[in-house]
Amino acid sequence: MKKLFVGNLPFTVHSDQIEALFQQHGEVLSVNLINDRETGRPRGFGFVEMEADAAQKAIQQLDGVMFEGRNLRVSEALERRPQRNRW
């Protein structure tokens, strides 16, 4: 399984739309669109989990593709770095 970063999403997009787009390239295991913690508004990016072969195919086919007026950025997600305390 691979996690993909999907950036430059329209702020009006819903997870079912992203799932339908990525399912054209293989089985989608999960979709997680990120919202701002304070406002609850979409941040314009999210993550899609797929099997490794399907994920690679989706990257090749969808990176840079126009989706609802925006060019998507699709790549393999990087591991999240530990956050430092702000205190």
PDB file of N, CA and C in Angstrom:
ATOM      1  N   MET A   1       0.843  -1.180   0.000  1.00  0.00           N
ATOM      2  CA  MET A   1       0.000   0.000   0.000  1.00  0.00           C
ATOM      3  C   MET A   1       0.889   1.245   0.000  1.00  0.00           C
ATOM      4  N   LYS A   2       0.470   2.247  -0.762  1.00  0.00           N
ATOM      5  CA  LYS A   2       1.190   3.526  -0.805  1.00  0.00           C
ATOM      6  C   LYS A   2       0.218   4.660  -0.543  1.00  0.00           C
ATOM      7  N   LYS A   3       0.753   5.674   0.120  1.00  0.00           N
ATOM      8  CA  LYS A   3      -0.025   6.885   0.367  1.00  0.00           C
ATOM      9  C   LYS A   3       0.458   7.945  -0.604  1.00  0.00           C
ATOM     10  N   LEU A   4      -0.501   8.569  -1.297  1.00  0.00           N
ATOM     11  CA  LEU A   4      -0.190   9.617  -2.262  1.00  0.00           C
ATOM     12  C   LEU A   4      -0.605  10.975  -1.721  1.00  0.00           C
ATOM     13  N   PHE A   5       0.218  11.967  -1.986  1.00  0.00           N
ATOM     14  CA  PHE A   5      -0.118  13.355  -1.707  1.00  0.00           C
ATOM     15  C   PHE A   5      -0.835  13.893  -2.938  1.00  0.00           C
ATOM     16  N   VAL A   6      -1.959  14.563  -2.724  1.00  0.00           N
ATOM     17  CA  VAL A   6      -2.705  15.182  -3.819  1.00  0.00           C
ATOM     18  C   VAL A   6      -2.851  16.662  -3.480  1.00  0.00           C
ATOM     19  N   GLY A   7      -2.191  17.520  -4.228  1.00  0.00           N
ATOM     20  CA  GLY A   7      -2.193  18.942  -3.951  1.00  0.00           C
ATOM     21  C   GLY A   7      -2.851  19.758  -5.042  1.00  0.00           C
ATOM     22  N   ASN A   8      -3.047  21.022  -4.731  1.00  0.00           N
ATOM     23  CA  ASN A   8      -3.665  22.005  -5.620  1.00  0.00           C
ATOM     24  C   ASN A   8      -5.115  21.625  -5.937  1.00  0.00           C
ATOM     25  N   LEU A   9      -5.796  21.079  -4.934  1.00  0.00           N
ATOM     26  CA  LEU A   9      -7.201  20.702  -5.099  1.00  0.00           C
ATOM     27  C   LEU A   9      -8.103  21.926  -5.023  1.00  0.00           C
ATOM     28  N   PRO A  10      -9.189  21.922  -5.786  1.00  0.00           N
ATOM     29  CA  PRO A  10     -10.178  22.993  -5.634  1.00  0.00           C
ATOM     30  C   PRO A  10     -10.767  22.921  -4.216  1.00  0.00           C
ATOM     31  N   PHE A  11     -11.083  24.053  -3.641  1.00  0.00           N
ATOM     32  CA  PHE A  11     -11.596  24.076  -2.273  1.00  0.00           C
ATOM     33  C   PHE A  11     -13.012  23.518  -2.171  1.00  0.00           C
ATOM     34  N   THR A  12     -13.673  23.314  -3.307  1.00  0.00           N
ATOM     35  CA  THR A  12     -15.044  22.808  -3.317  1.00  0.00           C
ATOM     36  C   THR A  12     -15.124  21.298  -3.530  1.00  0.00           C
ATOM     37  N   VAL A  13     -13.991  20.631  -3.688  1.00  0.00           N
ATOM     38  CA  VAL A  13     -13.983  19.202  -4.000  1.00  0.00           C
ATOM     39  C   VAL A  13     -14.362  18.370  -2.770  1.00  0.00           C
ATOM     40  N   HIS A  14     -15.007  17.232  -3.024  1.00  0.00           N
ATOM     41  CA  HIS A  14     -15.395  16.294  -1.963  1.00  0.00           C
ATOM     42  C   HIS A  14     -14.633  14.986  -2.139  1.00  0.00           C
ATOM     43  N   SER A  15     -14.498  14.229  -1.076  1.00  0.00           N
ATOM     44  CA  SER A  15     -13.721  12.995  -1.121  1.00  0.00           C
ATOM     45  C   SER A  15     -14.262  11.990  -2.131  1.00  0.00           C
ATOM     46  N   ASP A  16     -15.582  11.942  -2.329  1.00  0.00           N
ATOM     47  CA  ASP A  16     -16.129  10.995  -3.306  1.00  0.00           C
ATOM     48  C   ASP A  16     -15.693  11.340  -4.732  1.00  0.00           C
ATOM     49  N   GLN A  17     -15.481  12.616  -5.034  1.00  0.00           N
ATOM     50  CA  GLN A  17     -14.995  13.020  -6.355  1.00  0.00           C
ATOM     51  C   GLN A  17     -13.550  12.564  -6.555  1.00  0.00           C
ATOM     52  N   ILE A  18     -12.739  12.712  -5.518  1.00  0.00           N
ATOM     53  CA  ILE A  18     -11.336  12.291  -5.594  1.00  0.00           C
ATOM     54  C   ILE A  18     -11.266  10.766  -5.707  1.00  0.00           C
ATOM     55  N   GLU A  19     -12.093  10.081  -4.943  1.00  0.00           N
ATOM     56  CA  GLU A  19     -12.119   8.620  -5.021  1.00  0.00           C
ATOM     57  C   GLU A  19     -12.475   8.163  -6.433  1.00  0.00           C
ATOM     58  N   ALA A  20     -13.486   8.766  -7.038  1.00  0.00           N
ATOM     59  CA  ALA A  20     -13.892   8.401  -8.394  1.00  0.00           C
ATOM     60  C   ALA A  20     -12.766   8.661  -9.403  1.00  0.00           C
ATOM     61  N   LEU A  21     -12.056   9.772  -9.247  1.00  0.00           N
ATOM     62  CA  LEU A  21     -10.953  10.107 -10.146  1.00  0.00           C
ATOM     63  C   LEU A  21      -9.836   9.069 -10.049  1.00  0.00           C
ATOM     64  N   PHE A  22      -9.458   8.707  -8.829  1.00  0.00           N
ATOM     65  CA  PHE A  22      -8.343   7.778  -8.634  1.00  0.00           C
ATOM     66  C   PHE A  22      -8.733   6.333  -8.923  1.00  0.00           C
ATOM     67  N   GLN A  23     -10.000   5.979  -8.774  1.00  0.00           N
ATOM     68  CA  GLN A  23     -10.440   4.608  -9.048  1.00  0.00           C
ATOM     69  C   GLN A  23     -10.280   4.234 -10.512  1.00  0.00           C
ATOM     70  N   GLN A  24     -10.142   5.202 -11.355  1.00  0.00           N
ATOM     71  CA  GLN A  24      -9.894   4.921 -12.776  1.00  0.00           C
ATOM     72  C   GLN A  24      -8.545   4.231 -12.974  1.00  0.00           C
ATOM     73  N   HIS A  25      -7.684   4.293 -11.951  1.00  0.00           N
ATOM     74  CA  HIS A  25      -6.328   3.757 -12.048  1.00  0.00           C
ATOM     75  C   HIS A  25      -6.081   2.598 -11.100  1.00  0.00           C
ATOM     76  N   GLY A  26      -7.087   2.211 -10.316  1.00  0.00           N
ATOM     77  CA  GLY A  26      -6.955   1.091  -9.388  1.00  0.00           C
ATOM     78  C   GLY A  26      -7.822   1.300  -8.165  1.00  0.00           C
ATOM     79  N   GLU A  27      -7.818   0.296  -7.299  1.00  0.00           N
ATOM     80  CA  GLU A  27      -8.652   0.354  -6.099  1.00  0.00           C
ATOM     81  C   GLU A  27      -8.149   1.417  -5.115  1.00  0.00           C
ATOM     82  N   VAL A  28      -9.068   2.256  -4.664  1.00  0.00           N
ATOM     83  CA  VAL A  28      -8.755   3.285  -3.671  1.00  0.00           C
ATOM     84  C   VAL A  28      -9.095   2.724  -2.294  1.00  0.00           C
ATOM     85  N   LEU A  29      -8.114   2.715  -1.404  1.00  0.00           N
ATOM     86  CA  LEU A  29      -8.327   2.192  -0.057  1.00  0.00           C
ATOM     87  C   LEU A  29      -8.847   3.262   0.891  1.00  0.00           C
ATOM     88  N   SER A  30      -8.400   4.499   0.706  1.00  0.00           N
ATOM     89  CA  SER A  30      -8.900   5.599   1.537  1.00  0.00           C
ATOM     90  C   SER A  30      -8.603   6.941   0.891  1.00  0.00           C
ATOM     91  N   VAL A  31      -9.412   7.942   1.253  1.00  0.00           N
ATOM     92  CA  VAL A  31      -9.225   9.328   0.824  1.00  0.00           C
ATOM     93  C   VAL A  31      -9.353  10.188   2.070  1.00  0.00           C
ATOM     94  N   ASN A  32      -8.390  11.086   2.269  1.00  0.00           N
ATOM     95  CA  ASN A  32      -8.420  11.971   3.429  1.00  0.00           C
ATOM     96  C   ASN A  32      -8.105  13.391   2.965  1.00  0.00           C
ATOM     97  N   LEU A  33      -9.130  14.240   2.876  1.00  0.00           N
ATOM     98  CA  LEU A  33      -8.932  15.638   2.506  1.00  0.00           C
ATOM     99  C   LEU A  33      -8.720  16.438   3.785  1.00  0.00           C
ATOM    100  N   ILE A  34      -7.745  17.327   3.773  1.00  0.00           N
ATOM    101  CA  ILE A  34      -7.332  18.041   4.979  1.00  0.00           C
ATOM    102  C   ILE A  34      -8.054  19.378   5.100  1.00  0.00           C
ATOM    103  N   ASN A  35      -8.580  19.630   6.303  1.00  0.00           N
ATOM    104  CA  ASN A  35      -9.230  20.900   6.620  1.00  0.00           C
ATOM    105  C   ASN A  35      -8.408  21.642   7.663  1.00  0.00           C
ATOM    106  N   ASP A  36      -8.511  22.956   7.665  1.00  0.00           N
ATOM    107  CA  ASP A  36      -7.852  23.795   8.652  1.00  0.00           C
ATOM    108  C   ASP A  36      -8.439  23.491  10.032  1.00  0.00           C
ATOM    109  N   ARG A  37      -7.597  23.338  11.028  1.00  0.00           N
ATOM    110  CA  ARG A  37      -8.057  23.009  12.380  1.00  0.00           C
ATOM    111  C   ARG A  37      -8.924  24.094  12.990  1.00  0.00           C
ATOM    112  N   GLU A  38      -8.576  25.339  12.745  1.00  0.00           N
ATOM    113  CA  GLU A  38      -9.286  26.445  13.384  1.00  0.00           C
ATOM    114  C   GLU A  38     -10.563  26.844  12.652  1.00  0.00           C
ATOM    115  N   THR A  39     -10.514  26.892  11.330  1.00  0.00           N
ATOM    116  CA  THR A  39     -11.671  27.373  10.570  1.00  0.00           C
ATOM    117  C   THR A  39     -12.536  26.246  10.012  1.00  0.00           C
ATOM    118  N   GLY A  40     -11.969  25.045   9.876  1.00  0.00           N
ATOM    119  CA  GLY A  40     -12.696  23.941   9.286  1.00  0.00           C
ATOM    120  C   GLY A  40     -12.761  23.997   7.765  1.00  0.00           C
ATOM    121  N   ARG A  41     -12.150  25.003   7.183  1.00  0.00           N
ATOM    122  CA  ARG A  41     -12.159  25.152   5.721  1.00  0.00           C
ATOM    123  C   ARG A  41     -11.130  24.220   5.081  1.00  0.00           C
ATOM    124  N   PRO A  42     -11.420  23.771   3.853  1.00  0.00           N
ATOM    125  CA  PRO A  42     -10.462  22.913   3.138  1.00  0.00           C
ATOM    126  C   PRO A  42      -9.139  23.638   2.906  1.00  0.00           C
ATOM    127  N   ARG A  43      -8.041  22.872   2.983  1.00  0.00           N
ATOM    128  CA  ARG A  43      -6.718  23.455   2.780  1.00  0.00           C
ATOM    129  C   ARG A  43      -6.189  23.248   1.363  1.00  0.00           C
ATOM    130  N   GLY A  44      -6.923  22.513   0.534  1.00  0.00           N
ATOM    131  CA  GLY A  44      -6.518  22.352  -0.858  1.00  0.00           C
ATOM    132  C   GLY A  44      -5.576  21.195  -1.119  1.00  0.00           C
ATOM    133  N   PHE A  45      -5.478  20.277  -0.147  1.00  0.00           N
ATOM    134  CA  PHE A  45      -4.683  19.076  -0.383  1.00  0.00           C
ATOM    135  C   PHE A  45      -5.248  17.921   0.426  1.00  0.00           C
ATOM    136  N   GLY A  46      -4.773  16.732   0.092  1.00  0.00           N
ATOM    137  CA  GLY A  46      -5.235  15.550   0.804  1.00  0.00           C
ATOM    138  C   GLY A  46      -4.353  14.366   0.479  1.00  0.00           C
ATOM    139  N   PHE A  47      -4.812  13.194   0.909  1.00  0.00           N
ATOM    140  CA  PHE A  47      -4.050  11.967   0.732  1.00  0.00           C
ATOM    141  C   PHE A  47      -4.966  10.857   0.240  1.00  0.00           C
ATOM    142  N   VAL A  48      -4.432  10.025  -0.649  1.00  0.00           N
ATOM    143  CA  VAL A  48      -5.152   8.872  -1.182  1.00  0.00           C
ATOM    144  C   VAL A  48      -4.264   7.660  -0.959  1.00  0.00           C
ATOM    145  N   GLU A  49      -4.850   6.583  -0.435  1.00  0.00           N
ATOM    146  CA  GLU A  49      -4.111   5.336  -0.264  1.00  0.00           C
ATOM    147  C   GLU A  49      -4.580   4.334  -1.305  1.00  0.00           C
ATOM    148  N   MET A  50      -3.585   3.694  -1.961  1.00  0.00           N
ATOM    149  CA  MET A  50      -3.849   2.702  -3.003  1.00  0.00           C
ATOM    150  C   MET A  50      -2.784   1.620  -2.917  1.00  0.00           C
ATOM    151  N   GLU A  51      -3.030   0.495  -3.596  1.00  0.00           N
ATOM    152  CA  GLU A  51      -1.994  -0.527  -3.733  1.00  0.00           C
ATOM    153  C   GLU A  51      -0.826   0.074  -4.526  1.00  0.00           C
ATOM    154  N   ALA A  52       0.368  -0.442  -4.309  1.00  0.00           N
ATOM    155  CA  ALA A  52       1.584   0.153  -4.872  1.00  0.00           C
ATOM    156  C   ALA A  52       1.541   0.313  -6.394  1.00  0.00           C
ATOM    157  N   ASP A  53       1.141  -0.725  -7.109  1.00  0.00           N
ATOM    158  CA  ASP A  53       1.122  -0.637  -8.581  1.00  0.00           C
ATOM    159  C   ASP A  53       0.115   0.401  -9.059  1.00  0.00           C
ATOM    160  N   ALA A  54      -1.068   0.396  -8.464  1.00  0.00           N
ATOM    161  CA  ALA A  54      -2.109   1.353  -8.838  1.00  0.00           C
ATOM    162  C   ALA A  54      -1.680   2.779  -8.492  1.00  0.00           C
ATOM    163  N   ALA A  55      -0.993   2.930  -7.355  1.00  0.00           N
ATOM    164  CA  ALA A  55      -0.529   4.252  -6.936  1.00  0.00           C
ATOM    165  C   ALA A  55       0.466   4.824  -7.938  1.00  0.00           C
ATOM    166  N   GLN A  56       1.396   3.993  -8.389  1.00  0.00           N
ATOM    167  CA  GLN A  56       2.388   4.455  -9.366  1.00  0.00           C
ATOM    168  C   GLN A  56       1.710   4.862 -10.667  1.00  0.00           C
ATOM    169  N   LYS A  57       0.735   4.084 -11.085  1.00  0.00           N
ATOM    170  CA  LYS A  57      -0.015   4.395 -12.302  1.00  0.00           C
ATOM    171  C   LYS A  57      -0.774   5.716 -12.141  1.00  0.00           C
ATOM    172  N   ALA A  58      -1.381   5.919 -10.972  1.00  0.00           N
ATOM    173  CA  ALA A  58      -2.127   7.156 -10.713  1.00  0.00           C
ATOM    174  C   ALA A  58      -1.199   8.370 -10.736  1.00  0.00           C
ATOM    175  N   ILE A  59      -0.009   8.240 -10.173  1.00  0.00           N
ATOM    176  CA  ILE A  59       0.953   9.346 -10.199  1.00  0.00           C
ATOM    177  C   ILE A  59       1.277   9.713 -11.642  1.00  0.00           C
ATOM    178  N   GLN A  60       1.585   8.714 -12.443  1.00  0.00           N
ATOM    179  CA  GLN A  60       1.958   8.950 -13.837  1.00  0.00           C
ATOM    180  C   GLN A  60       0.823   9.571 -14.636  1.00  0.00           C
ATOM    181  N   GLN A  61      -0.405   9.144 -14.375  1.00  0.00           N
ATOM    182  CA  GLN A  61      -1.547   9.586 -15.171  1.00  0.00           C
ATOM    183  C   GLN A  61      -2.186  10.884 -14.683  1.00  0.00           C
ATOM    184  N   LEU A  62      -2.064  11.195 -13.381  1.00  0.00           N
ATOM    185  CA  LEU A  62      -2.815  12.328 -12.826  1.00  0.00           C
ATOM    186  C   LEU A  62      -1.975  13.541 -12.445  1.00  0.00           C
ATOM    187  N   ASP A  63      -0.676  13.387 -12.278  1.00  0.00           N
ATOM    188  CA  ASP A  63       0.151  14.538 -11.907  1.00  0.00           C
ATOM    189  C   ASP A  63       0.130  15.561 -13.044  1.00  0.00           C
ATOM    190  N   GLY A  64      -0.306  16.764 -12.731  1.00  0.00           N
ATOM    191  CA  GLY A  64      -0.362  17.845 -13.710  1.00  0.00           C
ATOM    192  C   GLY A  64      -1.663  17.919 -14.494  1.00  0.00           C
ATOM    193  N   VAL A  65      -2.565  16.979 -14.274  1.00  0.00           N
ATOM    194  CA  VAL A  65      -3.837  16.939 -14.992  1.00  0.00           C
ATOM    195  C   VAL A  65      -4.771  18.042 -14.484  1.00  0.00           C
ATOM    196  N   MET A  66      -5.493  18.662 -15.400  1.00  0.00           N
ATOM    197  CA  MET A  66      -6.474  19.689 -15.049  1.00  0.00           C
ATOM    198  C   MET A  66      -7.704  19.013 -14.439  1.00  0.00           C
ATOM    199  N   PHE A  67      -8.072  19.453 -13.228  1.00  0.00           N
ATOM    200  CA  PHE A  67      -9.242  18.919 -12.529  1.00  0.00           C
ATOM    201  C   PHE A  67     -10.014  20.091 -11.955  1.00  0.00           C
ATOM    202  N   GLU A  68     -11.196  20.313 -12.464  1.00  0.00           N
ATOM    203  CA  GLU A  68     -12.058  21.424 -12.041  1.00  0.00           C
ATOM    204  C   GLU A  68     -11.307  22.759 -12.013  1.00  0.00           C
ATOM    205  N   GLY A  69     -10.555  23.000 -13.090  1.00  0.00           N
ATOM    206  CA  GLY A  69      -9.881  24.282 -13.257  1.00  0.00           C
ATOM    207  C   GLY A  69      -8.523  24.416 -12.585  1.00  0.00           C
ATOM    208  N   ARG A  70      -8.009  23.337 -11.992  1.00  0.00           N
ATOM    209  CA  ARG A  70      -6.702  23.395 -11.322  1.00  0.00           C
ATOM    210  C   ARG A  70      -5.843  22.215 -11.751  1.00  0.00           C
ATOM    211  N   ASN A  71      -4.546  22.453 -11.890  1.00  0.00           N
ATOM    212  CA  ASN A  71      -3.605  21.382 -12.224  1.00  0.00           C
ATOM    213  C   ASN A  71      -3.226  20.633 -10.955  1.00  0.00           C
ATOM    214  N   LEU A  72      -3.598  19.359 -10.892  1.00  0.00           N
ATOM    215  CA  LEU A  72      -3.308  18.557  -9.708  1.00  0.00           C
ATOM    216  C   LEU A  72      -1.817  18.290  -9.573  1.00  0.00           C
ATOM    217  N   ARG A  73      -1.373  18.186  -8.334  1.00  0.00           N
ATOM    218  CA  ARG A  73      -0.021  17.730  -8.021  1.00  0.00           C
ATOM    219  C   ARG A  73      -0.185  16.400  -7.294  1.00  0.00           C
ATOM    220  N   VAL A  74       0.307  15.338  -7.894  1.00  0.00           N
ATOM    221  CA  VAL A  74       0.175  14.003  -7.315  1.00  0.00           C
ATOM    222  C   VAL A  74       1.562  13.394  -7.196  1.00  0.00           C
ATOM    223  N   SER A  75       1.915  12.963  -5.994  1.00  0.00           N
ATOM    224  CA  SER A  75       3.214  12.344  -5.761  1.00  0.00           C
ATOM    225  C   SER A  75       3.104  11.406  -4.567  1.00  0.00           C
ATOM    226  N   GLU A  76       4.139  10.617  -4.369  1.00  0.00           N
ATOM    227  CA  GLU A  76       4.159   9.752  -3.194  1.00  0.00           C
ATOM    228  C   GLU A  76       4.294  10.633  -1.957  1.00  0.00           C
ATOM    229  N   ALA A  77       3.483  10.355  -0.951  1.00  0.00           N
ATOM    230  CA  ALA A  77       3.507  11.159   0.274  1.00  0.00           C
ATOM    231  C   ALA A  77       4.797  10.889   1.048  1.00  0.00           C
ATOM    232  N   LEU A  78       5.335  11.935   1.639  1.00  0.00           N
ATOM    233  CA  LEU A  78       6.523  11.808   2.481  1.00  0.00           C
ATOM    234  C   LEU A  78       6.094  11.528   3.911  1.00  0.00           C
ATOM    235  N   GLU A  79       6.952  10.860   4.653  1.00  0.00           N
ATOM    236  CA  GLU A  79       6.666  10.622   6.071  1.00  0.00           C
ATOM    237  C   GLU A  79       6.615  11.948   6.815  1.00  0.00           C
ATOM    238  N   ARG A  80       5.697  12.053   7.714  1.00  0.00           N
ATOM    239  CA  ARG A  80       5.543  13.287   8.488  1.00  0.00           C
ATOM    240  C   ARG A  80       6.664  13.402   9.519  1.00  0.00           C
ATOM    241  N   ARG A  81       7.275  14.568   9.580  1.00  0.00           N
ATOM    242  CA  ARG A  81       8.331  14.812  10.554  1.00  0.00           C
ATOM    243  C   ARG A  81       7.716  15.082  11.922  1.00  0.00           C
ATOM    244  N   PRO A  82       8.368  14.646  12.990  1.00  0.00           N
ATOM    245  CA  PRO A  82       7.837  14.953  14.328  1.00  0.00           C
ATOM    246  C   PRO A  82       7.800  16.474  14.541  1.00  0.00           C
ATOM    247  N   GLN A  83       6.745  16.930  15.177  1.00  0.00           N
ATOM    248  CA  GLN A  83       6.610  18.365  15.418  1.00  0.00           C
ATOM    249  C   GLN A  83       7.287  18.752  16.728  1.00  0.00           C
ATOM    250  N   ARG A  84       7.887  19.909  16.714  1.00  0.00           N
ATOM    251  CA  ARG A  84       8.509  20.430  17.929  1.00  0.00           C
ATOM    252  C   ARG A  84       7.463  21.127  18.771  1.00  0.00           C
ATOM    253  N   ASN A  85       7.718  21.150  20.051  1.00  0.00           N
ATOM    254  CA  ASN A  85       6.825  21.921  20.933  1.00  0.00           C
ATOM    255  C   ASN A  85       6.991  23.394  20.655  1.00  0.00           C
ATOM    256  N   ARG A  86       5.898  24.111  20.691  1.00  0.00           N
ATOM    257  CA  ARG A  86       5.957  25.550  20.419  1.00  0.00           C
ATOM    258  C   ARG A  86       6.220  26.370  21.677  1.00  0.00           C
ATOM    259  N   TRP A  87       6.353  25.735  22.777  1.00  0.00           N
ATOM    260  CA  TRP A  87       6.490  26.469  24.051  1.00  0.00           C
ATOM    261  C   TRP A  87       7.877  26.886  24.284  1.00  0.00           C
TER     262      TRP A  87
END
